[in-house]
Amino acid sequence: MPEDNSNEFVVDSADGTGVDDVYDATLDPTASDGDSAATEAAAESATELQSQADQAVADGDYTSAADLRGQAEGQAAQAGSTDMLDGSTSSELQTAADDQQTAAADEQQESTDAASGNYAAAETDAQNAESTTYDADTTAGGSDTSGTAYDEAQNESWANWDQETADQDATTADSYAAAGDTDDAAMYATDASNEQATADNYGVEGQDGNELAETDPSSEVAEAGSDAAEDTAVDTTDAAVDDTADTSVDDSAADDSAA
């Protein structure tokens, strides 16, 4: 090896004659530059894909966000660093996307149950949709969009309560009628009819997609582990119950012994 630290190496020939072959081992500078350019391009691509993923999260499109973030992670791996990435991982975003689909199925079932008059089931469906939507938003780091499902659950809750009251009044009316007390029977039958109408109104208002159940989700998703009920902005101005039909009844005049 030369003493001047040059890039020339002396190698003995293979035939053993002692003739030295001199090879120029100068490194090709273009190879290093190419690797550097590829790394920089991968980093720029990862940054752009991350930006697109962030926008998809802001739009509530967690499926697209998961795909974009996955591509960003691949480019970041090529760049040799994940410093340009932020927010939820592709795995977390996929979980959020799956939760979104589950919540959508719950909302469809809620509408079906409400339309059939099964308000108890509709309430449960809406509650499930609210909880799953909140989980999805929290996992993805997006805005809290569970407010509408919460309002739907509230409306179906009132519908279920009025439905049960209507059923009770109808049963009481039948008891009075069987006992020959036509006045009290008619009074309770009227109450049952009024309560049923109220229940049906709330049932319609609570159906997914009804404009009366739409809520502007203005609240931000809190840290994971917080209580969704405390962090969800809820507009309950439409949830006041008109029970005037019940208050007009003087139950003191009724002889419940006949029932």
C-alpha atoms as a PDB file:
ATOM      1  CA  MET A   1       0.000   0.000   0.000  1.00  0.00           C
ATOM      2  CA  PRO A   2       1.525   3.417  -0.951  1.00  0.00           C
ATOM      3  CA  GLU A   3       2.750   5.618   1.838  1.00  0.00           C
ATOM      4  CA  ASP A   4       1.120   8.737   0.469  1.00  0.00           C
ATOM      5  CA  ASN A   5      -2.373   7.405   1.286  1.00  0.00           C
ATOM      6  CA  SER A   6      -3.426   7.651  -2.352  1.00  0.00           C
ATOM      7  CA  ASN A   7      -6.168   5.500  -3.764  1.00  0.00           C
ATOM      8  CA  GLU A   8      -3.750   3.313  -5.715  1.00  0.00           C
ATOM      9  CA  PHE A   9      -3.369  -0.274  -4.469  1.00  0.00           C
ATOM     10  CA  VAL A  10      -0.577  -2.639  -5.591  1.00  0.00           C
ATOM     11  CA  VAL A  11      -1.728  -6.185  -6.075  1.00  0.00           C
ATOM     12  CA  ASP A  12       0.523  -9.146  -6.942  1.00  0.00           C
ATOM     13  CA  SER A  13      -0.406 -10.889 -10.134  1.00  0.00           C
ATOM     14  CA  ALA A  14      -2.030 -14.266  -9.884  1.00  0.00           C
ATOM     15  CA  ASP A  15       0.629 -15.998 -12.015  1.00  0.00           C
ATOM     16  CA  GLY A  16       3.290 -15.572  -9.338  1.00  0.00           C
ATOM     17  CA  THR A  17       5.703 -13.684 -11.569  1.00  0.00           C
ATOM     18  CA  GLY A  18       5.834 -10.842  -9.119  1.00  0.00           C
ATOM     19  CA  VAL A  19       4.581  -8.354 -11.673  1.00  0.00           C
ATOM     20  CA  ASP A  20       2.481  -5.787  -9.904  1.00  0.00           C
ATOM     21  CA  ASP A  21      -0.838  -4.683 -11.348  1.00  0.00           C
ATOM     22  CA  VAL A  22      -1.901  -1.248 -10.273  1.00  0.00           C
ATOM     23  CA  TYR A  23      -5.602  -0.533  -9.901  1.00  0.00           C
ATOM     24  CA  ASP A  24      -7.150   2.819  -9.523  1.00  0.00           C
ATOM     25  CA  ALA A  25      -9.591   2.395  -6.624  1.00  0.00           C
ATOM     26  CA  THR A  26     -10.913   5.920  -6.746  1.00  0.00           C
ATOM     27  CA  LEU A  27     -14.523   5.961  -5.398  1.00  0.00           C
ATOM     28  CA  ASP A  28     -17.300   7.023  -7.748  1.00  0.00           C
ATOM     29  CA  PRO A  29     -18.711  10.221  -6.252  1.00  0.00           C
ATOM     30  CA  THR A  30     -21.954   9.910  -8.208  1.00  0.00           C
ATOM     31  CA  ALA A  31     -22.954   6.816  -6.205  1.00  0.00           C
ATOM     32  CA  SER A  32     -22.925   8.714  -2.930  1.00  0.00           C
ATOM     33  CA  ASP A  33     -24.778  11.658  -4.423  1.00  0.00           C
ATOM     34  CA  GLY A  34     -27.426   9.323  -5.788  1.00  0.00           C
ATOM     35  CA  ASP A  35     -28.031   7.751  -2.407  1.00  0.00           C
ATOM     36  CA  SER A  36     -28.325  11.188  -0.828  1.00  0.00           C
ATOM     37  CA  ALA A  37     -30.791  12.353  -3.465  1.00  0.00           C
ATOM     38  CA  ALA A  38     -32.928   9.233  -3.000  1.00  0.00           C
ATOM     39  CA  THR A  39     -32.983   9.738   0.759  1.00  0.00           C
ATOM     40  CA  GLU A  40     -33.990  13.376   0.378  1.00  0.00           C
ATOM     41  CA  ALA A  41     -36.718  12.483  -2.112  1.00  0.00           C
ATOM     42  CA  ALA A  42     -38.092   9.813   0.216  1.00  0.00           C
ATOM     43  CA  ALA A  43     -38.148  12.273   3.119  1.00  0.00           C
ATOM     44  CA  GLU A  44     -39.988  14.874   1.023  1.00  0.00           C
ATOM     45  CA  SER A  45     -42.493  12.253  -0.114  1.00  0.00           C
ATOM     46  CA  ALA A  46     -43.068  11.114   3.479  1.00  0.00           C
ATOM     47  CA  THR A  47     -43.683  14.696   4.566  1.00  0.00           C
ATOM     48  CA  GLU A  48     -46.183  15.301   1.767  1.00  0.00           C
ATOM     49  CA  LEU A  49     -48.007  12.026   2.436  1.00  0.00           C
ATOM     50  CA  GLN A  50     -48.180  12.866   6.143  1.00  0.00           C
ATOM     51  CA  SER A  51     -49.727  16.224   5.268  1.00  0.00           C
ATOM     52  CA  GLN A  52     -52.342  14.484   3.127  1.00  0.00           C
ATOM     53  CA  ALA A  53     -53.041  12.010   5.928  1.00  0.00           C
ATOM     54  CA  ASP A  54     -53.511  14.885   8.367  1.00  0.00           C
ATOM     55  CA  GLN A  55     -56.022  16.492   6.012  1.00  0.00           C
ATOM     56  CA  ALA A  56     -57.903  13.202   5.664  1.00  0.00           C
ATOM     57  CA  VAL A  57     -58.131  12.986   9.466  1.00  0.00           C
ATOM     58  CA  ALA A  58     -59.446  16.555   9.590  1.00  0.00           C
ATOM     59  CA  ASP A  59     -62.047  15.568   6.976  1.00  0.00           C
ATOM     60  CA  GLY A  60     -63.038  12.541   9.061  1.00  0.00           C
ATOM     61  CA  ASP A  61     -61.929  10.114   6.333  1.00  0.00           C
ATOM     62  CA  TYR A  62     -59.975   7.685   8.474  1.00  0.00           C
ATOM     63  CA  THR A  63     -59.804   5.007   5.779  1.00  0.00           C
ATOM     64  CA  SER A  64     -57.903   7.299   3.416  1.00  0.00           C
ATOM     65  CA  ALA A  65     -55.860   8.615   6.321  1.00  0.00           C
ATOM     66  CA  ALA A  66     -54.727   5.095   7.215  1.00  0.00           C
ATOM     67  CA  ASP A  67     -53.656   4.406   3.631  1.00  0.00           C
ATOM     68  CA  LEU A  68     -51.791   7.713   3.281  1.00  0.00           C
ATOM     69  CA  ARG A  69     -50.066   7.333   6.639  1.00  0.00           C
ATOM     70  CA  GLY A  70     -49.002   3.801   5.685  1.00  0.00           C
ATOM     71  CA  GLN A  71     -47.378   5.160   2.517  1.00  0.00           C
ATOM     72  CA  ALA A  72     -45.735   7.914   4.558  1.00  0.00           C
ATOM     73  CA  GLU A  73     -44.278   5.331   6.924  1.00  0.00           C
ATOM     74  CA  GLY A  74     -42.850   3.409   3.984  1.00  0.00           C
ATOM     75  CA  GLN A  75     -41.180   6.522   2.576  1.00  0.00           C
ATOM     76  CA  ALA A  76     -39.890   7.495   6.019  1.00  0.00           C
ATOM     77  CA  ALA A  77     -38.314   4.048   6.344  1.00  0.00           C
ATOM     78  CA  GLN A  78     -36.489   4.607   3.063  1.00  0.00           C
ATOM     79  CA  ALA A  79     -35.335   8.001   4.307  1.00  0.00           C
ATOM     80  CA  GLY A  80     -34.024   6.335   7.459  1.00  0.00           C
ATOM     81  CA  SER A  81     -35.939   8.550   9.880  1.00  0.00           C
ATOM     82  CA  THR A  82     -39.491   9.037  11.155  1.00  0.00           C
ATOM     83  CA  ASP A  83     -38.895  12.578  12.369  1.00  0.00           C
ATOM     84  CA  MET A  84     -41.115  13.977   9.628  1.00  0.00           C
ATOM     85  CA  LEU A  85     -44.138  11.928  10.810  1.00  0.00           C
ATOM     86  CA  ASP A  86     -46.659  12.940  13.469  1.00  0.00           C
ATOM     87  CA  GLY A  87     -50.084  12.022  14.747  1.00  0.00           C
ATOM     88  CA  SER A  88     -51.647   8.571  14.776  1.00  0.00           C
ATOM     89  CA  THR A  89     -49.944   5.607  13.144  1.00  0.00           C
ATOM     90  CA  SER A  90     -51.390   3.755  10.169  1.00  0.00           C
ATOM     91  CA  SER A  91     -52.419   0.923  12.505  1.00  0.00           C
ATOM     92  CA  GLU A  92     -54.257   3.323  14.801  1.00  0.00           C
ATOM     93  CA  LEU A  93     -55.934   5.023  11.858  1.00  0.00           C
ATOM     94  CA  GLN A  94     -57.082   1.665  10.503  1.00  0.00           C
ATOM     95  CA  THR A  95     -58.616   0.877  13.883  1.00  0.00           C
ATOM     96  CA  ALA A  96     -60.390   4.235  13.768  1.00  0.00           C
ATOM     97  CA  ALA A  97     -61.641   3.494  10.248  1.00  0.00           C
ATOM     98  CA  ASP A  98     -63.007   0.122  11.381  1.00  0.00           C
ATOM     99  CA  ASP A  99     -64.766   1.822  14.305  1.00  0.00           C
ATOM    100  CA  GLN A 100     -66.300   4.322  11.893  1.00  0.00           C
ATOM    101  CA  GLN A 101     -67.788   1.503   9.853  1.00  0.00           C
ATOM    102  CA  THR A 102     -69.161  -0.139  12.993  1.00  0.00           C
ATOM    103  CA  ALA A 103     -70.730   3.149  14.097  1.00  0.00           C
ATOM    104  CA  ALA A 104     -72.301   3.614  10.661  1.00  0.00           C
ATOM    105  CA  ALA A 105     -73.850   0.143  10.897  1.00  0.00           C
ATOM    106  CA  ASP A 106     -75.203   0.980  14.375  1.00  0.00           C
ATOM    107  CA  GLU A 107     -76.786   4.170  13.029  1.00  0.00           C
ATOM    108  CA  GLN A 108     -78.442   2.294  10.177  1.00  0.00           C
ATOM    109  CA  GLN A 109     -79.832  -0.234  12.635  1.00  0.00           C
ATOM    110  CA  GLU A 110     -81.005   2.614  14.873  1.00  0.00           C
ATOM    111  CA  SER A 111     -83.031   4.061  12.005  1.00  0.00           C
ATOM    112  CA  THR A 112     -84.536   0.666  11.223  1.00  0.00           C
ATOM    113  CA  ASP A 113     -85.536   0.027  14.840  1.00  0.00           C
ATOM    114  CA  ALA A 114     -86.948   3.530  15.272  1.00  0.00           C
ATOM    115  CA  ALA A 115     -89.002   3.233  12.078  1.00  0.00           C
ATOM    116  CA  SER A 116     -90.512  -0.014  13.377  1.00  0.00           C
ATOM    117  CA  GLY A 117     -91.398   1.581  16.722  1.00  0.00           C
ATOM    118  CA  ASN A 118     -88.804  -0.350  18.726  1.00  0.00           C
ATOM    119  CA  TYR A 119     -87.503   2.716  20.521  1.00  0.00           C
ATOM    120  CA  ALA A 120     -85.696   0.799  23.262  1.00  0.00           C
ATOM    121  CA  ALA A 121     -83.540  -0.955  20.676  1.00  0.00           C
ATOM    122  CA  ALA A 122     -83.095   2.288  18.754  1.00  0.00           C
ATOM    123  CA  GLU A 123     -81.806   3.992  21.899  1.00  0.00           C
ATOM    124  CA  THR A 124     -79.244   1.237  22.430  1.00  0.00           C
ATOM    125  CA  ASP A 125     -78.167   1.409  18.780  1.00  0.00           C
ATOM    126  CA  ALA A 126     -77.628   5.168  18.986  1.00  0.00           C
ATOM    127  CA  GLN A 127     -75.697   4.843  22.248  1.00  0.00           C
ATOM    128  CA  ASN A 128     -73.429   2.264  20.621  1.00  0.00           C
ATOM    129  CA  ALA A 129     -72.899   4.553  17.634  1.00  0.00           C
ATOM    130  CA  GLU A 130     -72.023   7.452  19.932  1.00  0.00           C
ATOM    131  CA  SER A 131     -69.485   5.456  21.916  1.00  0.00           C
ATOM    132  CA  THR A 132     -67.837   3.893  18.863  1.00  0.00           C
ATOM    133  CA  THR A 133     -67.701   7.213  17.017  1.00  0.00           C
ATOM    134  CA  TYR A 134     -66.021   8.825  19.993  1.00  0.00           C
ATOM    135  CA  ASP A 135     -63.488   5.993  20.149  1.00  0.00           C
ATOM    136  CA  ALA A 136     -62.746   6.373  16.431  1.00  0.00           C
ATOM    137  CA  ASP A 137     -62.233  10.136  16.691  1.00  0.00           C
ATOM    138  CA  THR A 138     -60.030   9.788  19.746  1.00  0.00           C
ATOM    139  CA  THR A 139     -57.862   7.080  18.188  1.00  0.00           C
ATOM    140  CA  ALA A 140     -57.426   9.027  14.953  1.00  0.00           C
ATOM    141  CA  GLY A 141     -56.856  12.344  16.693  1.00  0.00           C
ATOM    142  CA  GLY A 142     -59.744  13.935  14.795  1.00  0.00           C
ATOM    143  CA  SER A 143     -62.558  16.219  15.886  1.00  0.00           C
ATOM    144  CA  ASP A 144     -65.273  14.780  18.121  1.00  0.00           C
ATOM    145  CA  THR A 145     -68.202  13.923  15.847  1.00  0.00           C
ATOM    146  CA  SER A 146     -70.216  11.875  18.349  1.00  0.00           C
ATOM    147  CA  GLY A 147     -72.633  14.697  19.177  1.00  0.00           C
ATOM    148  CA  THR A 148     -75.232  13.734  16.585  1.00  0.00           C
ATOM    149  CA  ALA A 149     -75.377  10.123  17.764  1.00  0.00           C
ATOM    150  CA  TYR A 150     -75.722  11.410  21.325  1.00  0.00           C
ATOM    151  CA  ASP A 151     -78.724  13.541  20.329  1.00  0.00           C
ATOM    152  CA  GLU A 152     -80.237  10.592  18.494  1.00  0.00           C
ATOM    153  CA  ALA A 153     -79.866   8.477  21.631  1.00  0.00           C
ATOM    154  CA  GLN A 154     -81.508  11.210  23.713  1.00  0.00           C
ATOM    155  CA  ASN A 155     -84.486  11.455  21.365  1.00  0.00           C
ATOM    156  CA  GLU A 156     -84.924   7.687  21.250  1.00  0.00           C
ATOM    157  CA  SER A 157     -84.689   7.611  25.028  1.00  0.00           C
ATOM    158  CA  TRP A 158     -87.604  10.030  25.309  1.00  0.00           C
ATOM    159  CA  ALA A 159     -89.481   8.042  22.672  1.00  0.00           C
ATOM    160  CA  ASN A 160     -88.973   4.846  24.654  1.00  0.00           C
ATOM    161  CA  TRP A 161     -90.099   6.508  27.890  1.00  0.00           C
ATOM    162  CA  ASP A 162     -93.282   7.873  26.304  1.00  0.00           C
ATOM    163  CA  GLN A 163     -93.913   4.529  24.607  1.00  0.00           C
ATOM    164  CA  GLU A 164     -93.765   2.732  27.951  1.00  0.00           C
ATOM    165  CA  THR A 165     -96.063   5.333  29.510  1.00  0.00           C
ATOM    166  CA  ALA A 166     -98.504   4.942  26.624  1.00  0.00           C
ATOM    167  CA  ASP A 167     -98.534   1.173  27.097  1.00  0.00           C
ATOM    168  CA  GLN A 168     -99.197   1.562  30.820  1.00  0.00           C
ATOM    169  CA  ASP A 169    -102.054   4.006  30.196  1.00  0.00           C
ATOM    170  CA  ALA A 170    -103.556   1.687  27.603  1.00  0.00           C
ATOM    171  CA  THR A 171    -103.422  -1.222  30.049  1.00  0.00           C
ATOM    172  CA  THR A 172    -105.096   0.891  32.731  1.00  0.00           C
ATOM    173  CA  ALA A 173    -107.784   1.973  30.264  1.00  0.00           C
ATOM    174  CA  ASP A 174    -108.533  -1.654  29.458  1.00  0.00           C
ATOM    175  CA  SER A 175    -108.819  -2.459  33.163  1.00  0.00           C
ATOM    176  CA  TYR A 176    -111.345   0.334  33.754  1.00  0.00           C
ATOM    177  CA  ALA A 177    -113.290  -0.679  30.678  1.00  0.00           C
ATOM    178  CA  ALA A 178    -113.456  -4.273  31.897  1.00  0.00           C
ATOM    179  CA  ALA A 179    -114.782  -2.993  35.233  1.00  0.00           C
ATOM    180  CA  GLY A 180    -117.462  -0.941  33.499  1.00  0.00           C
ATOM    181  CA  ASP A 181    -115.871   2.411  34.406  1.00  0.00           C
ATOM    182  CA  THR A 182    -116.212   4.015  30.998  1.00  0.00           C
ATOM    183  CA  ASP A 183    -115.225   7.520  32.108  1.00  0.00           C
ATOM    184  CA  ASP A 184    -111.852   6.537  33.543  1.00  0.00           C
ATOM    185  CA  ALA A 185    -111.330   4.115  30.684  1.00  0.00           C
ATOM    186  CA  ALA A 186    -111.817   6.920  28.173  1.00  0.00           C
ATOM    187  CA  MET A 187    -109.521   9.241  30.146  1.00  0.00           C
ATOM    188  CA  TYR A 188    -106.649   6.764  30.196  1.00  0.00           C
ATOM    189  CA  ALA A 189    -107.215   5.826  26.566  1.00  0.00           C
ATOM    190  CA  THR A 190    -106.825   9.501  25.648  1.00  0.00           C
ATOM    191  CA  ASP A 191    -103.642   9.716  27.706  1.00  0.00           C
ATOM    192  CA  ALA A 192    -102.299   6.620  25.971  1.00  0.00           C
ATOM    193  CA  SER A 193    -103.012   8.095  22.566  1.00  0.00           C
ATOM    194  CA  ASN A 194    -101.292  11.367  23.442  1.00  0.00           C
ATOM    195  CA  GLU A 195     -98.260   9.636  24.874  1.00  0.00           C
ATOM    196  CA  GLN A 196     -97.998   7.393  21.812  1.00  0.00           C
ATOM    197  CA  ALA A 197     -98.046  10.420  19.515  1.00  0.00           C
ATOM    198  CA  THR A 198     -95.272  12.040  21.556  1.00  0.00           C
ATOM    199  CA  ALA A 199     -93.245   8.838  21.451  1.00  0.00           C
ATOM    200  CA  ASP A 200     -93.589   8.597  17.697  1.00  0.00           C
ATOM    201  CA  ASN A 201     -92.492  12.214  17.259  1.00  0.00           C
ATOM    202  CA  TYR A 202     -89.347  11.649  19.275  1.00  0.00           C
ATOM    203  CA  GLY A 203     -88.744   8.386  17.459  1.00  0.00           C
ATOM    204  CA  VAL A 204     -88.741  10.182  14.111  1.00  0.00           C
ATOM    205  CA  GLU A 205     -86.548  13.003  15.407  1.00  0.00           C
ATOM    206  CA  GLY A 206     -84.022  10.489  16.665  1.00  0.00           C
ATOM    207  CA  GLN A 207     -83.651   8.591  13.404  1.00  0.00           C
ATOM    208  CA  ASP A 208     -80.198   8.867  11.864  1.00  0.00           C
ATOM    209  CA  GLY A 209     -80.126  11.524   9.175  1.00  0.00           C
ATOM    210  CA  ASN A 210     -83.051  13.517  10.556  1.00  0.00           C
ATOM    211  CA  GLU A 211     -82.117  17.212  10.592  1.00  0.00           C
ATOM    212  CA  LEU A 212     -83.591  17.620  14.086  1.00  0.00           C
ATOM    213  CA  ALA A 213     -80.935  15.228  15.419  1.00  0.00           C
ATOM    214  CA  GLU A 214     -78.008  16.860  13.623  1.00  0.00           C
ATOM    215  CA  THR A 215     -75.435  18.453  15.915  1.00  0.00           C
ATOM    216  CA  ASP A 216     -72.518  20.639  14.924  1.00  0.00           C
ATOM    217  CA  PRO A 217     -69.534  18.791  16.469  1.00  0.00           C
ATOM    218  CA  SER A 218     -67.608  21.789  17.780  1.00  0.00           C
ATOM    219  CA  SER A 219     -65.836  20.086  20.664  1.00  0.00           C
ATOM    220  CA  GLU A 220     -62.303  18.756  20.373  1.00  0.00           C
ATOM    221  CA  VAL A 221     -61.518  15.171  21.234  1.00  0.00           C
ATOM    222  CA  ALA A 222     -60.033  14.963  24.710  1.00  0.00           C
ATOM    223  CA  GLU A 223     -57.148  12.776  25.763  1.00  0.00           C
ATOM    224  CA  ALA A 224     -57.774   9.043  25.529  1.00  0.00           C
ATOM    225  CA  GLY A 225     -59.399   7.661  28.642  1.00  0.00           C
ATOM    226  CA  SER A 226     -61.595  10.673  29.354  1.00  0.00           C
ATOM    227  CA  ASP A 227     -65.334  10.377  29.738  1.00  0.00           C
ATOM    228  CA  ALA A 228     -67.009  10.847  26.373  1.00  0.00           C
ATOM    229  CA  ALA A 229     -70.187  12.111  27.994  1.00  0.00           C
ATOM    230  CA  GLU A 230     -68.288  14.942  29.640  1.00  0.00           C
ATOM    231  CA  ASP A 231     -66.415  15.952  26.485  1.00  0.00           C
ATOM    232  CA  THR A 232     -69.261  15.911  23.983  1.00  0.00           C
ATOM    233  CA  ALA A 233     -71.023  19.168  23.172  1.00  0.00           C
ATOM    234  CA  VAL A 234     -74.750  18.424  23.172  1.00  0.00           C
ATOM    235  CA  ASP A 235     -77.657  20.523  22.012  1.00  0.00           C
ATOM    236  CA  THR A 236     -80.728  19.344  23.915  1.00  0.00           C
ATOM    237  CA  THR A 237     -83.038  22.229  23.043  1.00  0.00           C
ATOM    238  CA  ASP A 238     -85.306  19.830  21.145  1.00  0.00           C
ATOM    239  CA  ALA A 239     -85.483  17.306  23.954  1.00  0.00           C
ATOM    240  CA  ALA A 240     -88.119  18.990  26.131  1.00  0.00           C
ATOM    241  CA  VAL A 241     -91.007  16.649  26.800  1.00  0.00           C
ATOM    242  CA  ASP A 242     -94.593  17.850  26.701  1.00  0.00           C
ATOM    243  CA  ASP A 243     -96.364  15.809  29.341  1.00  0.00           C
ATOM    244  CA  THR A 244     -99.389  18.096  29.620  1.00  0.00           C
ATOM    245  CA  ALA A 245    -101.570  15.143  28.679  1.00  0.00           C
ATOM    246  CA  ASP A 246    -100.589  13.438  31.920  1.00  0.00           C
ATOM    247  CA  THR A 247    -100.897  16.478  34.176  1.00  0.00           C
ATOM    248  CA  SER A 248    -104.443  17.056  33.032  1.00  0.00           C
ATOM    249  CA  VAL A 249    -105.516  13.757  34.540  1.00  0.00           C
ATOM    250  CA  ASP A 250    -106.932  13.726  38.042  1.00  0.00           C
ATOM    251  CA  ASP A 251    -105.992  10.254  39.205  1.00  0.00           C
ATOM    252  CA  SER A 252    -107.553  10.847  42.614  1.00  0.00           C
ATOM    253  CA  ALA A 253    -110.964  10.304  41.068  1.00  0.00           C
ATOM    254  CA  ALA A 254    -110.061   6.876  39.805  1.00  0.00           C
ATOM    255  CA  ASP A 255    -110.806   3.777  41.839  1.00  0.00           C
ATOM    256  CA  ASP A 256    -107.782   1.581  41.146  1.00  0.00           C
ATOM    257  CA  SER A 257    -109.398  -1.317  42.981  1.00  0.00           C
ATOM    258  CA  ALA A 258    -111.211  -2.108  39.785  1.00  0.00           C
ATOM    259  CA  ALA A 259    -107.877  -2.505  38.009  1.00  0.00           C
END
